[in-house]
C-alpha cells in the first residue's frame, strides 16, 4: 500500500515522528503528500515548540490565555481549561481567590477564545470544537467547527449550524454588533482581498468588505464594537483602526500606529476616550487617547527579552487587566500616585 493510501489517523501518527526538515522533504515527493503535509495538524507540535510562550505547567504549554470579566468574577483560560475566580479588594490591593470558583473543561487542545452570556460560557479550541457550557454546571454541548468557515447556530440547544459560509482564509477574530443584526470577521489576509468582512446574521451573507489597502499577511487578531456603528480592529500590520460603518467602507476614519512596529494582539476601549492595546514584544501595554495620535503611556510587564506577548486586555470600572503567558497583571486607576501594572497575586 502506498503512503497516501493509509488512513489519516495512521498518517498523522507516522508524521508526528518527523522533524520539520523531513516533513519538508516529504512534501516534495508528490502532490498528494504535499497537500497532506501542508495541514495545520501535522505541524502543530513543531509550531508549539517555536512559539514564544515562555511558560509551561506540568510539562504542558500554556498558550494564548484569554480573559473575560463579569461583575466581580474574572474568567481566565490556561491551556485546555477556563477557570473562574472571585476578585476581592483588600488593604494590600486587589487579590484573586486562590481556589477556583468553577472550572470549564472539555477541549482536547488549547482554548483559543471564549465569551460569556448570562447563562452560558462558549469556548473555541485548537481541536476545532466549540463547547457551550452551562455556567450553573448543568452540562455542556459540543459543536464541531469548520476549517476556514464561519457558521451561525439557531440556539445553544442546536447541535448543528443554521448557516455556513466559506471564507477561503483562516478566521482569527469575530465580533458581533451590539444590535445583533450583523457580525464582522477578521482573517489572516493570506489571499488578495481585505481580511475584514461584514455579514448579515439572518442570511449569513457578506454585506461588504472594509478597507482596500491591507498588505498581504496583515491579519486581524482582535476587534471590538463600541457602538453598533463603530468598530475597532488591530493585528499584524501594527495599526489600531476605527471604522464607522455608516460611512464608506473603503477607509477607516481614524488610525493609531504602534511606534515600535510590533504586531498588536489585543485591544479594548473604555467606551469613552481611552484605548488600550497589547503588543507582541516585551509584554507592552499602551494607553491611547482617541483624540490624539500619539500614545499617552505605556507599561512594560517584563524586561525579559524572550517575554510573552500581551494576549488579552479587559477593563472594569476601576481596573485594567492584562494577560501574558506567565502572569496576570492589573492596573488600579483609583490610586492617587501614577498607576502601574502589577502582577496580580493570589490570596
C-alpha atoms as a PDB file:
ATOM      1  CA  UNK A   1       0.000   0.000   0.000  1.00  0.00           C
ATOM      2  CA  UNK A   2       1.270   3.486  -0.875  1.00  0.00           C
ATOM      3  CA  UNK A   3       1.700   6.091   1.864  1.00  0.00           C
ATOM      4  CA  UNK A   4      -1.217   8.318   0.685  1.00  0.00           C
ATOM      5  CA  UNK A   5      -3.491   5.269   0.812  1.00  0.00           C
ATOM      6  CA  UNK A   6      -3.119   4.831   4.575  1.00  0.00           C
ATOM      7  CA  UNK A   7      -5.897   6.045   6.921  1.00  0.00           C
ATOM      8  CA  UNK A   8      -5.449   9.645   8.015  1.00  0.00           C
ATOM      9  CA  UNK A   9      -5.041   8.788  11.708  1.00  0.00           C
ATOM     10  CA  UNK A  10      -2.195   6.403  10.806  1.00  0.00           C
ATOM     11  CA  UNK A  11      -0.553   9.070   8.645  1.00  0.00           C
ATOM     12  CA  UNK A  12      -0.766  11.619  11.447  1.00  0.00           C
ATOM     13  CA  UNK A  13       0.888   9.161  13.810  1.00  0.00           C
ATOM     14  CA  UNK A  14       3.719   8.459  11.358  1.00  0.00           C
ATOM     15  CA  UNK A  15       4.345  12.118  10.557  1.00  0.00           C
ATOM     16  CA  UNK A  16       4.392  13.053  14.259  1.00  0.00           C
ATOM     17  CA  UNK A  17       7.832  11.381  14.471  1.00  0.00           C
ATOM     18  CA  UNK A  18       9.335  13.554  11.705  1.00  0.00           C
ATOM     19  CA  UNK A  19      11.148  16.854  12.196  1.00  0.00           C
ATOM     20  CA  UNK A  20      10.491  19.927  10.060  1.00  0.00           C
ATOM     21  CA  UNK A  21      13.300  19.136   7.597  1.00  0.00           C
ATOM     22  CA  UNK A  22      11.964  15.626   6.997  1.00  0.00           C
ATOM     23  CA  UNK A  23       8.431  16.980   6.539  1.00  0.00           C
ATOM     24  CA  UNK A  24       9.697  19.493   4.005  1.00  0.00           C
ATOM     25  CA  UNK A  25      11.387  16.739   2.012  1.00  0.00           C
ATOM     26  CA  UNK A  26       8.302  14.537   2.179  1.00  0.00           C
ATOM     27  CA  UNK A  27       6.187  17.389   0.791  1.00  0.00           C
ATOM     28  CA  UNK A  28       8.307  17.309  -2.360  1.00  0.00           C
ATOM     29  CA  UNK A  29       7.511  13.666  -3.178  1.00  0.00           C
ATOM     30  CA  UNK A  30       4.183  14.210  -4.925  1.00  0.00           C
ATOM     31  CA  UNK A  31       1.089  16.414  -4.948  1.00  0.00           C
ATOM     32  CA  UNK A  32      -0.887  14.148  -2.586  1.00  0.00           C
ATOM     33  CA  UNK A  33       1.802  14.119   0.113  1.00  0.00           C
ATOM     34  CA  UNK A  34       2.315  17.876  -0.273  1.00  0.00           C
ATOM     35  CA  UNK A  35      -1.366  18.541   0.366  1.00  0.00           C
ATOM     36  CA  UNK A  36      -1.417  16.299   3.436  1.00  0.00           C
ATOM     37  CA  UNK A  37       1.865  17.572   4.896  1.00  0.00           C
ATOM     38  CA  UNK A  38       0.584  21.132   4.466  1.00  0.00           C
ATOM     39  CA  UNK A  39      -2.220  20.634   7.003  1.00  0.00           C
ATOM     40  CA  UNK A  40      -2.014  22.584  10.268  1.00  0.00           C
ATOM     41  CA  UNK A  41      -2.443  19.435  12.362  1.00  0.00           C
ATOM     42  CA  UNK A  42       0.791  17.969  11.002  1.00  0.00           C
ATOM     43  CA  UNK A  43       2.845  20.995  12.063  1.00  0.00           C
ATOM     44  CA  UNK A  44       1.071  21.789  15.347  1.00  0.00           C
ATOM     45  CA  UNK A  45       3.576  20.064  17.669  1.00  0.00           C
ATOM     46  CA  UNK A  46       6.532  21.657  15.835  1.00  0.00           C
ATOM     47  CA  UNK A  47       4.880  25.085  15.872  1.00  0.00           C
ATOM     48  CA  UNK A  48       4.240  24.896  19.615  1.00  0.00           C
ATOM     49  CA  UNK A  49       7.914  24.325  20.216  1.00  0.00           C
ATOM     50  CA  UNK A  50       8.743  27.520  18.320  1.00  0.00           C
ATOM     51  CA  UNK A  51       6.077  29.797  19.826  1.00  0.00           C
ATOM     52  CA  UNK A  52       7.223  32.463  22.270  1.00  0.00           C
ATOM     53  CA  UNK A  53       5.067  31.494  25.253  1.00  0.00           C
ATOM     54  CA  UNK A  54       7.786  31.236  27.878  1.00  0.00           C
ATOM     55  CA  UNK A  55       5.795  29.093  30.275  1.00  0.00           C
ATOM     56  CA  UNK A  56       4.861  25.503  30.933  1.00  0.00           C
ATOM     57  CA  UNK A  57       2.713  23.897  33.547  1.00  0.00           C
ATOM     58  CA  UNK A  58       3.179  20.213  34.427  1.00  0.00           C
ATOM     59  CA  UNK A  59       5.059  19.836  31.162  1.00  0.00           C
ATOM     60  CA  UNK A  60       2.210  21.208  29.002  1.00  0.00           C
ATOM     61  CA  UNK A  61       2.467  24.530  27.183  1.00  0.00           C
ATOM     62  CA  UNK A  62       0.067  27.283  28.254  1.00  0.00           C
ATOM     63  CA  UNK A  63      -0.816  29.025  25.007  1.00  0.00           C
ATOM     64  CA  UNK A  64      -2.815  32.167  24.280  1.00  0.00           C
ATOM     65  CA  UNK A  65      -4.524  32.946  27.615  1.00  0.00           C
ATOM     66  CA  UNK A  66      -7.836  34.776  27.235  1.00  0.00           C
ATOM     67  CA  UNK A  67      -9.835  36.893  29.709  1.00  0.00           C
ATOM     68  CA  UNK A  68     -13.421  37.872  30.362  1.00  0.00           C
ATOM     69  CA  UNK A  69     -14.867  39.934  33.221  1.00  0.00           C
ATOM     70  CA  UNK A  70     -18.314  39.528  34.723  1.00  0.00           C
ATOM     71  CA  UNK A  71     -19.044  41.786  37.722  1.00  0.00           C
ATOM     72  CA  UNK A  72     -16.688  40.576  40.487  1.00  0.00           C
ATOM     73  CA  UNK A  73     -15.620  37.403  38.644  1.00  0.00           C
ATOM     74  CA  UNK A  74     -12.672  37.001  36.320  1.00  0.00           C
ATOM     75  CA  UNK A  75     -12.515  34.127  33.808  1.00  0.00           C
ATOM     76  CA  UNK A  76      -9.048  33.088  32.638  1.00  0.00           C
ATOM     77  CA  UNK A  77      -8.176  30.394  30.086  1.00  0.00           C
ATOM     78  CA  UNK A  78      -4.928  28.454  30.502  1.00  0.00           C
ATOM     79  CA  UNK A  79      -4.167  25.607  28.105  1.00  0.00           C
ATOM     80  CA  UNK A  80      -7.332  23.485  27.767  1.00  0.00           C
ATOM     81  CA  UNK A  81      -9.189  24.848  30.827  1.00  0.00           C
ATOM     82  CA  UNK A  82     -11.046  28.014  31.778  1.00  0.00           C
ATOM     83  CA  UNK A  83     -11.043  28.981  35.430  1.00  0.00           C
ATOM     84  CA  UNK A  84     -13.378  31.415  37.205  1.00  0.00           C
ATOM     85  CA  UNK A  85     -12.009  33.460  40.122  1.00  0.00           C
ATOM     86  CA  UNK A  86     -13.569  35.960  42.515  1.00  0.00           C
ATOM     87  CA  UNK A  87     -11.947  39.393  42.711  1.00  0.00           C
ATOM     88  CA  UNK A  88     -11.580  40.987  46.147  1.00  0.00           C
ATOM     89  CA  UNK A  89     -10.356  44.455  47.104  1.00  0.00           C
ATOM     90  CA  UNK A  90      -8.311  44.481  50.292  1.00  0.00           C
ATOM     91  CA  UNK A  91      -5.990  46.915  52.068  1.00  0.00           C
ATOM     92  CA  UNK A  92      -2.975  45.467  50.251  1.00  0.00           C
ATOM     93  CA  UNK A  93      -4.638  45.850  46.865  1.00  0.00           C
ATOM     94  CA  UNK A  94      -6.569  43.584  44.554  1.00  0.00           C
ATOM     95  CA  UNK A  95      -6.476  39.839  45.194  1.00  0.00           C
ATOM     96  CA  UNK A  96      -7.725  36.747  43.400  1.00  0.00           C
ATOM     97  CA  UNK A  97      -9.112  33.919  45.458  1.00  0.00           C
ATOM     98  CA  UNK A  98      -6.662  31.038  45.276  1.00  0.00           C
ATOM     99  CA  UNK A  99      -9.403  28.430  44.939  1.00  0.00           C
ATOM    100  CA  UNK A 100     -11.262  28.323  41.670  1.00  0.00           C
ATOM    101  CA  UNK A 101     -14.942  29.118  41.846  1.00  0.00           C
ATOM    102  CA  UNK A 102     -15.532  26.999  38.731  1.00  0.00           C
ATOM    103  CA  UNK A 103     -13.550  25.183  36.042  1.00  0.00           C
ATOM    104  CA  UNK A 104     -14.789  24.700  32.484  1.00  0.00           C
ATOM    105  CA  UNK A 105     -13.021  21.971  30.526  1.00  0.00           C
ATOM    106  CA  UNK A 106     -13.597  19.526  27.690  1.00  0.00           C
ATOM    107  CA  UNK A 107     -11.269  20.696  24.920  1.00  0.00           C
ATOM    108  CA  UNK A 108      -8.560  18.323  23.706  1.00  0.00           C
ATOM    109  CA  UNK A 109      -6.395  21.279  22.691  1.00  0.00           C
ATOM    110  CA  UNK A 110      -5.770  24.812  23.903  1.00  0.00           C
ATOM    111  CA  UNK A 111      -8.698  27.192  24.368  1.00  0.00           C
ATOM    112  CA  UNK A 112      -8.289  29.933  21.739  1.00  0.00           C
ATOM    113  CA  UNK A 113     -11.146  32.295  22.641  1.00  0.00           C
ATOM    114  CA  UNK A 114     -14.257  32.254  24.792  1.00  0.00           C
ATOM    115  CA  UNK A 115     -17.146  34.543  25.566  1.00  0.00           C
ATOM    116  CA  UNK A 116     -19.852  34.843  28.221  1.00  0.00           C
ATOM    117  CA  UNK A 117     -23.605  35.226  28.303  1.00  0.00           C
ATOM    118  CA  UNK A 118     -25.790  35.427  31.406  1.00  0.00           C
ATOM    119  CA  UNK A 119     -26.270  31.663  31.410  1.00  0.00           C
ATOM    120  CA  UNK A 120     -23.517  30.155  29.242  1.00  0.00           C
ATOM    121  CA  UNK A 121     -19.796  30.181  28.516  1.00  0.00           C
ATOM    122  CA  UNK A 122     -18.937  29.442  24.862  1.00  0.00           C
ATOM    123  CA  UNK A 123     -15.364  28.468  24.018  1.00  0.00           C
ATOM    124  CA  UNK A 124     -13.490  27.619  20.821  1.00  0.00           C
ATOM    125  CA  UNK A 125     -10.392  25.440  20.895  1.00  0.00           C
ATOM    126  CA  UNK A 126      -7.459  24.426  18.735  1.00  0.00           C
ATOM    127  CA  UNK A 127      -9.098  20.994  18.488  1.00  0.00           C
ATOM    128  CA  UNK A 128     -11.662  22.504  16.110  1.00  0.00           C
ATOM    129  CA  UNK A 129     -14.536  22.205  18.579  1.00  0.00           C
ATOM    130  CA  UNK A 130     -16.904  24.748  20.104  1.00  0.00           C
ATOM    131  CA  UNK A 131     -18.161  23.984  23.612  1.00  0.00           C
ATOM    132  CA  UNK A 132     -21.262  25.604  25.111  1.00  0.00           C
ATOM    133  CA  UNK A 133     -21.002  25.321  28.909  1.00  0.00           C
ATOM    134  CA  UNK A 134     -23.883  25.998  31.257  1.00  0.00           C
ATOM    135  CA  UNK A 135     -22.444  28.392  33.844  1.00  0.00           C
ATOM    136  CA  UNK A 136     -24.551  26.795  36.543  1.00  0.00           C
ATOM    137  CA  UNK A 137     -22.932  23.429  35.931  1.00  0.00           C
ATOM    138  CA  UNK A 138     -25.817  21.723  34.099  1.00  0.00           C
ATOM    139  CA  UNK A 139     -23.942  20.093  31.234  1.00  0.00           C
ATOM    140  CA  UNK A 140     -22.047  21.029  28.117  1.00  0.00           C
ATOM    141  CA  UNK A 141     -22.977  20.967  24.425  1.00  0.00           C
ATOM    142  CA  UNK A 142     -20.298  20.143  21.842  1.00  0.00           C
ATOM    143  CA  UNK A 143     -20.327  21.664  18.363  1.00  0.00           C
ATOM    144  CA  UNK A 144     -17.898  20.830  15.583  1.00  0.00           C
ATOM    145  CA  UNK A 145     -16.076  23.742  13.978  1.00  0.00           C
ATOM    146  CA  UNK A 146     -15.108  24.004  10.314  1.00  0.00           C
ATOM    147  CA  UNK A 147     -11.857  24.694   8.506  1.00  0.00           C
ATOM    148  CA  UNK A 148     -11.770  28.285   7.173  1.00  0.00           C
ATOM    149  CA  UNK A 149     -15.526  28.630   7.596  1.00  0.00           C
ATOM    150  CA  UNK A 150     -17.921  30.501   9.825  1.00  0.00           C
ATOM    151  CA  UNK A 151     -21.362  29.350  10.815  1.00  0.00           C
ATOM    152  CA  UNK A 152     -24.283  30.538  12.897  1.00  0.00           C
ATOM    153  CA  UNK A 153     -26.371  28.410  15.225  1.00  0.00           C
ATOM    154  CA  UNK A 154     -30.025  28.979  15.951  1.00  0.00           C
ATOM    155  CA  UNK A 155     -29.600  28.395  19.699  1.00  0.00           C
ATOM    156  CA  UNK A 156     -27.370  26.752  22.267  1.00  0.00           C
ATOM    157  CA  UNK A 157     -29.563  23.639  22.111  1.00  0.00           C
ATOM    158  CA  UNK A 158     -28.853  23.094  18.416  1.00  0.00           C
ATOM    159  CA  UNK A 159     -26.026  20.680  17.632  1.00  0.00           C
ATOM    160  CA  UNK A 160     -25.651  21.814  14.028  1.00  0.00           C
ATOM    161  CA  UNK A 161     -25.198  25.081  12.143  1.00  0.00           C
ATOM    162  CA  UNK A 162     -28.096  27.077  10.762  1.00  0.00           C
ATOM    163  CA  UNK A 163     -25.877  28.722   8.125  1.00  0.00           C
ATOM    164  CA  UNK A 164     -22.361  28.040   6.888  1.00  0.00           C
ATOM    165  CA  UNK A 165     -20.122  30.351   4.843  1.00  0.00           C
ATOM    166  CA  UNK A 166     -16.694  29.512   3.445  1.00  0.00           C
ATOM    167  CA  UNK A 167     -14.148  32.329   3.724  1.00  0.00           C
ATOM    168  CA  UNK A 168     -11.162  30.813   1.919  1.00  0.00           C
ATOM    169  CA  UNK A 169      -8.824  32.164   4.595  1.00  0.00           C
ATOM    170  CA  UNK A 170      -8.094  31.453   8.248  1.00  0.00           C
ATOM    171  CA  UNK A 171     -10.514  33.155  10.640  1.00  0.00           C
ATOM    172  CA  UNK A 172      -8.689  34.816  13.529  1.00  0.00           C
ATOM    173  CA  UNK A 173     -11.324  37.062  15.083  1.00  0.00           C
ATOM    174  CA  UNK A 174     -15.082  37.564  15.132  1.00  0.00           C
ATOM    175  CA  UNK A 175     -17.224  40.303  16.681  1.00  0.00           C
ATOM    176  CA  UNK A 176     -20.998  40.667  16.671  1.00  0.00           C
ATOM    177  CA  UNK A 177     -22.653  44.072  16.566  1.00  0.00           C
ATOM    178  CA  UNK A 178     -24.457  45.238  19.734  1.00  0.00           C
ATOM    179  CA  UNK A 179     -27.558  45.482  17.528  1.00  0.00           C
ATOM    180  CA  UNK A 180     -27.249  41.698  16.884  1.00  0.00           C
ATOM    181  CA  UNK A 181     -28.048  42.219  13.213  1.00  0.00           C
ATOM    182  CA  UNK A 182     -24.542  41.798  11.783  1.00  0.00           C
ATOM    183  CA  UNK A 183     -21.095  40.495  12.648  1.00  0.00           C
ATOM    184  CA  UNK A 184     -17.551  41.060  11.405  1.00  0.00           C
ATOM    185  CA  UNK A 185     -14.843  38.506  10.670  1.00  0.00           C
ATOM    186  CA  UNK A 186     -11.108  39.124  10.663  1.00  0.00           C
ATOM    187  CA  UNK A 187      -8.931  36.708   8.700  1.00  0.00           C
ATOM    188  CA  UNK A 188      -5.221  36.058   8.164  1.00  0.00           C
ATOM    189  CA  UNK A 189      -5.111  38.108   4.927  1.00  0.00           C
ATOM    190  CA  UNK A 190      -3.300  35.344   3.053  1.00  0.00           C
ATOM    191  CA  UNK A 191      -5.379  35.983  -0.060  1.00  0.00           C
ATOM    192  CA  UNK A 192      -5.684  39.035  -2.277  1.00  0.00           C
ATOM    193  CA  UNK A 193      -8.687  40.594  -0.572  1.00  0.00           C
ATOM    194  CA  UNK A 194      -9.458  42.526   2.599  1.00  0.00           C
ATOM    195  CA  UNK A 195      -9.364  40.486   5.840  1.00  0.00           C
ATOM    196  CA  UNK A 196     -12.386  42.372   7.227  1.00  0.00           C
ATOM    197  CA  UNK A 197     -15.875  41.387   6.130  1.00  0.00           C
ATOM    198  CA  UNK A 198     -19.307  42.347   7.449  1.00  0.00           C
ATOM    199  CA  UNK A 199     -22.002  39.660   7.445  1.00  0.00           C
ATOM    200  CA  UNK A 200     -25.768  39.708   7.859  1.00  0.00           C
ATOM    201  CA  UNK A 201     -26.708  37.475  10.802  1.00  0.00           C
ATOM    202  CA  UNK A 202     -30.026  36.216   9.457  1.00  0.00           C
ATOM    203  CA  UNK A 203     -28.807  35.319   5.967  1.00  0.00           C
ATOM    204  CA  UNK A 204     -25.118  34.726   6.778  1.00  0.00           C
ATOM    205  CA  UNK A 205     -24.238  36.651   3.625  1.00  0.00           C
ATOM    206  CA  UNK A 206     -21.327  39.027   3.200  1.00  0.00           C
ATOM    207  CA  UNK A 207     -22.621  42.613   3.109  1.00  0.00           C
ATOM    208  CA  UNK A 208     -19.334  44.377   2.362  1.00  0.00           C
ATOM    209  CA  UNK A 209     -15.573  44.405   2.931  1.00  0.00           C
ATOM    210  CA  UNK A 210     -13.728  47.002   4.989  1.00  0.00           C
ATOM    211  CA  UNK A 211     -10.566  48.621   3.653  1.00  0.00           C
ATOM    212  CA  UNK A 212      -8.703  48.131   0.411  1.00  0.00           C
ATOM    213  CA  UNK A 213      -5.028  48.760   1.235  1.00  0.00           C
ATOM    214  CA  UNK A 214      -4.182  45.850   3.536  1.00  0.00           C
ATOM    215  CA  UNK A 215      -0.795  44.257   2.863  1.00  0.00           C
ATOM    216  CA  UNK A 216      -0.629  40.512   2.379  1.00  0.00           C
ATOM    217  CA  UNK A 217      -0.262  38.901   5.811  1.00  0.00           C
ATOM    218  CA  UNK A 218      -1.852  41.854   7.645  1.00  0.00           C
ATOM    219  CA  UNK A 219      -4.160  39.550   9.578  1.00  0.00           C
ATOM    220  CA  UNK A 220      -6.704  40.952  12.047  1.00  0.00           C
ATOM    221  CA  UNK A 221      -6.094  39.467  15.515  1.00  0.00           C
ATOM    222  CA  UNK A 222      -8.701  41.309  17.575  1.00  0.00           C
ATOM    223  CA  UNK A 223     -11.689  43.598  17.131  1.00  0.00           C
ATOM    224  CA  UNK A 224     -14.303  45.228  19.321  1.00  0.00           C
ATOM    225  CA  UNK A 225     -17.576  47.056  18.712  1.00  0.00           C
ATOM    226  CA  UNK A 226     -18.017  50.180  20.823  1.00  0.00           C
ATOM    227  CA  UNK A 227     -21.397  51.056  19.301  1.00  0.00           C
ATOM    228  CA  UNK A 228     -23.416  49.373  16.535  1.00  0.00           C
ATOM    229  CA  UNK A 229     -21.650  51.712  14.078  1.00  0.00           C
ATOM    230  CA  UNK A 230     -18.123  51.970  15.497  1.00  0.00           C
ATOM    231  CA  UNK A 231     -15.650  49.096  15.197  1.00  0.00           C
ATOM    232  CA  UNK A 232     -12.025  48.958  16.385  1.00  0.00           C
ATOM    233  CA  UNK A 233      -9.553  46.488  14.867  1.00  0.00           C
ATOM    234  CA  UNK A 234      -5.878  45.593  15.293  1.00  0.00           C
ATOM    235  CA  UNK A 235      -3.459  42.970  14.078  1.00  0.00           C
ATOM    236  CA  UNK A 236      -0.183  42.195  12.380  1.00  0.00           C
ATOM    237  CA  UNK A 237       0.156  45.457  10.442  1.00  0.00           C
ATOM    238  CA  UNK A 238       0.770  47.370  13.742  1.00  0.00           C
ATOM    239  CA  UNK A 239      -2.275  49.684  13.461  1.00  0.00           C
ATOM    240  CA  UNK A 240      -5.356  50.245  15.578  1.00  0.00           C
ATOM    241  CA  UNK A 241      -8.154  51.330  13.258  1.00  0.00           C
ATOM    242  CA  UNK A 242     -11.558  52.865  13.897  1.00  0.00           C
ATOM    243  CA  UNK A 243     -14.240  52.116  11.307  1.00  0.00           C
ATOM    244  CA  UNK A 244     -17.547  53.959  11.079  1.00  0.00           C
ATOM    245  CA  UNK A 245     -19.912  51.503   9.406  1.00  0.00           C
ATOM    246  CA  UNK A 246     -22.263  54.317   8.351  1.00  0.00           C
ATOM    247  CA  UNK A 247     -19.582  55.793   6.071  1.00  0.00           C
ATOM    248  CA  UNK A 248     -17.605  54.480   3.132  1.00  0.00           C
ATOM    249  CA  UNK A 249     -16.177  51.035   3.890  1.00  0.00           C
ATOM    250  CA  UNK A 250     -13.040  51.686   1.841  1.00  0.00           C
ATOM    251  CA  UNK A 251     -11.193  53.727   4.502  1.00  0.00           C
ATOM    252  CA  UNK A 252     -11.133  53.848   8.279  1.00  0.00           C
ATOM    253  CA  UNK A 253     -11.971  57.155   9.956  1.00  0.00           C
ATOM    254  CA  UNK A 254      -9.007  57.114  12.378  1.00  0.00           C
ATOM    255  CA  UNK A 255      -5.881  55.042  12.984  1.00  0.00           C
ATOM    256  CA  UNK A 256      -3.126  54.805  15.581  1.00  0.00           C
ATOM    257  CA  UNK A 257       0.266  53.240  14.777  1.00  0.00           C
ATOM    258  CA  UNK A 258       2.264  51.139  17.248  1.00  0.00           C
ATOM    259  CA  UNK A 259       5.540  53.115  17.485  1.00  0.00           C
ATOM    260  CA  UNK A 260       7.845  50.075  17.743  1.00  0.00           C
ATOM    261  CA  UNK A 261       6.446  48.280  14.692  1.00  0.00           C
ATOM    262  CA  UNK A 262       5.029  45.409  16.770  1.00  0.00           C
ATOM    263  CA  UNK A 263       2.018  43.293  15.965  1.00  0.00           C
ATOM    264  CA  UNK A 264      -0.970  44.159  18.154  1.00  0.00           C
ATOM    265  CA  UNK A 265      -2.547  41.085  19.700  1.00  0.00           C
ATOM    266  CA  UNK A 266      -5.473  42.705  21.500  1.00  0.00           C
ATOM    267  CA  UNK A 267      -7.325  45.917  22.187  1.00  0.00           C
ATOM    268  CA  UNK A 268     -10.073  47.189  24.430  1.00  0.00           C
ATOM    269  CA  UNK A 269     -11.849  50.525  24.873  1.00  0.00           C
ATOM    270  CA  UNK A 270     -13.489  52.058  27.918  1.00  0.00           C
ATOM    271  CA  UNK A 271     -16.455  53.360  25.916  1.00  0.00           C
ATOM    272  CA  UNK A 272     -15.243  56.922  26.360  1.00  0.00           C
ATOM    273  CA  UNK A 273     -11.862  58.283  25.219  1.00  0.00           C
ATOM    274  CA  UNK A 274      -9.351  55.589  26.134  1.00  0.00           C
ATOM    275  CA  UNK A 275      -8.000  52.635  24.130  1.00  0.00           C
ATOM    276  CA  UNK A 276      -5.632  50.006  25.496  1.00  0.00           C
ATOM    277  CA  UNK A 277      -3.536  47.767  23.242  1.00  0.00           C
ATOM    278  CA  UNK A 278      -1.280  44.794  23.899  1.00  0.00           C
ATOM    279  CA  UNK A 279       1.781  44.233  21.704  1.00  0.00           C
ATOM    280  CA  UNK A 280       3.722  41.159  20.647  1.00  0.00           C
ATOM    281  CA  UNK A 281       7.100  42.138  22.145  1.00  0.00           C
ATOM    282  CA  UNK A 282       8.178  42.515  25.776  1.00  0.00           C
ATOM    283  CA  UNK A 283       4.668  42.449  27.193  1.00  0.00           C
ATOM    284  CA  UNK A 284       3.945  46.107  26.413  1.00  0.00           C
ATOM    285  CA  UNK A 285       0.538  47.634  27.164  1.00  0.00           C
ATOM    286  CA  UNK A 286      -0.157  51.057  25.663  1.00  0.00           C
ATOM    287  CA  UNK A 287      -2.873  53.534  26.613  1.00  0.00           C
ATOM    288  CA  UNK A 288      -4.176  55.852  23.904  1.00  0.00           C
ATOM    289  CA  UNK A 289      -6.454  58.893  23.894  1.00  0.00           C
ATOM    290  CA  UNK A 290      -8.745  58.654  20.858  1.00  0.00           C
ATOM    291  CA  UNK A 291      -8.416  62.405  20.369  1.00  0.00           C
ATOM    292  CA  UNK A 292      -4.631  62.196  19.954  1.00  0.00           C
ATOM    293  CA  UNK A 293      -2.368  60.335  17.540  1.00  0.00           C
ATOM    294  CA  UNK A 294       0.436  59.589  19.992  1.00  0.00           C
ATOM    295  CA  UNK A 295       0.462  57.050  22.814  1.00  0.00           C
ATOM    296  CA  UNK A 296      -0.306  58.560  26.244  1.00  0.00           C
ATOM    297  CA  UNK A 297       1.521  55.997  28.383  1.00  0.00           C
ATOM    298  CA  UNK A 298       2.966  52.522  28.143  1.00  0.00           C
ATOM    299  CA  UNK A 299       3.707  49.748  30.635  1.00  0.00           C
ATOM    300  CA  UNK A 300       6.318  47.051  30.113  1.00  0.00           C
ATOM    301  CA  UNK A 301       5.183  43.992  32.029  1.00  0.00           C
ATOM    302  CA  UNK A 302       8.546  42.223  31.923  1.00  0.00           C
ATOM    303  CA  UNK A 303      12.117  43.048  30.952  1.00  0.00           C
ATOM    304  CA  UNK A 304      12.912  39.537  29.700  1.00  0.00           C
ATOM    305  CA  UNK A 305      13.867  39.639  26.006  1.00  0.00           C
ATOM    306  CA  UNK A 306      12.002  36.381  25.476  1.00  0.00           C
ATOM    307  CA  UNK A 307       8.882  37.672  27.185  1.00  0.00           C
ATOM    308  CA  UNK A 308       5.370  36.809  26.163  1.00  0.00           C
ATOM    309  CA  UNK A 309       3.036  38.968  24.077  1.00  0.00           C
ATOM    310  CA  UNK A 310       0.045  40.552  25.777  1.00  0.00           C
ATOM    311  CA  UNK A 311      -2.655  38.147  24.679  1.00  0.00           C
ATOM    312  CA  UNK A 312      -5.730  39.813  26.147  1.00  0.00           C
ATOM    313  CA  UNK A 313      -6.894  43.035  27.829  1.00  0.00           C
ATOM    314  CA  UNK A 314     -10.048  43.751  29.783  1.00  0.00           C
ATOM    315  CA  UNK A 315     -11.465  46.798  31.615  1.00  0.00           C
ATOM    316  CA  UNK A 316     -13.617  47.132  34.670  1.00  0.00           C
ATOM    317  CA  UNK A 317     -14.792  50.464  36.086  1.00  0.00           C
ATOM    318  CA  UNK A 318     -11.647  50.726  38.200  1.00  0.00           C
ATOM    319  CA  UNK A 319      -9.056  48.313  36.788  1.00  0.00           C
ATOM    320  CA  UNK A 320      -7.350  47.170  33.619  1.00  0.00           C
ATOM    321  CA  UNK A 321      -6.312  43.506  33.392  1.00  0.00           C
ATOM    322  CA  UNK A 322      -3.619  42.204  31.044  1.00  0.00           C
ATOM    323  CA  UNK A 323      -2.817  38.524  30.451  1.00  0.00           C
ATOM    324  CA  UNK A 324       0.573  37.271  29.302  1.00  0.00           C
ATOM    325  CA  UNK A 325       1.662  33.649  29.168  1.00  0.00           C
ATOM    326  CA  UNK A 326       3.342  33.772  32.561  1.00  0.00           C
ATOM    327  CA  UNK A 327       1.136  36.062  34.642  1.00  0.00           C
ATOM    328  CA  UNK A 328      -1.944  38.193  35.026  1.00  0.00           C
ATOM    329  CA  UNK A 329      -1.374  41.919  35.656  1.00  0.00           C
ATOM    330  CA  UNK A 330      -3.763  44.571  36.995  1.00  0.00           C
ATOM    331  CA  UNK A 331      -3.766  48.374  36.788  1.00  0.00           C
ATOM    332  CA  UNK A 332      -5.689  50.249  39.518  1.00  0.00           C
ATOM    333  CA  UNK A 333      -6.923  53.584  38.151  1.00  0.00           C
ATOM    334  CA  UNK A 334      -8.002  54.761  41.614  1.00  0.00           C
ATOM    335  CA  UNK A 335      -4.511  55.163  43.028  1.00  0.00           C
ATOM    336  CA  UNK A 336      -3.587  58.789  43.566  1.00  0.00           C
ATOM    337  CA  UNK A 337       0.022  58.174  42.561  1.00  0.00           C
ATOM    338  CA  UNK A 338       0.998  57.272  38.999  1.00  0.00           C
ATOM    339  CA  UNK A 339      -0.629  53.873  38.363  1.00  0.00           C
ATOM    340  CA  UNK A 340       1.459  50.888  37.337  1.00  0.00           C
ATOM    341  CA  UNK A 341       0.563  47.457  36.037  1.00  0.00           C
ATOM    342  CA  UNK A 342       1.344  44.986  38.826  1.00  0.00           C
ATOM    343  CA  UNK A 343       1.307  41.163  38.857  1.00  0.00           C
ATOM    344  CA  UNK A 344      -1.973  40.068  40.399  1.00  0.00           C
ATOM    345  CA  UNK A 345      -1.172  37.933  43.476  1.00  0.00           C
ATOM    346  CA  UNK A 346      -3.276  35.101  44.831  1.00  0.00           C
ATOM    347  CA  UNK A 347      -4.716  35.255  48.319  1.00  0.00           C
END
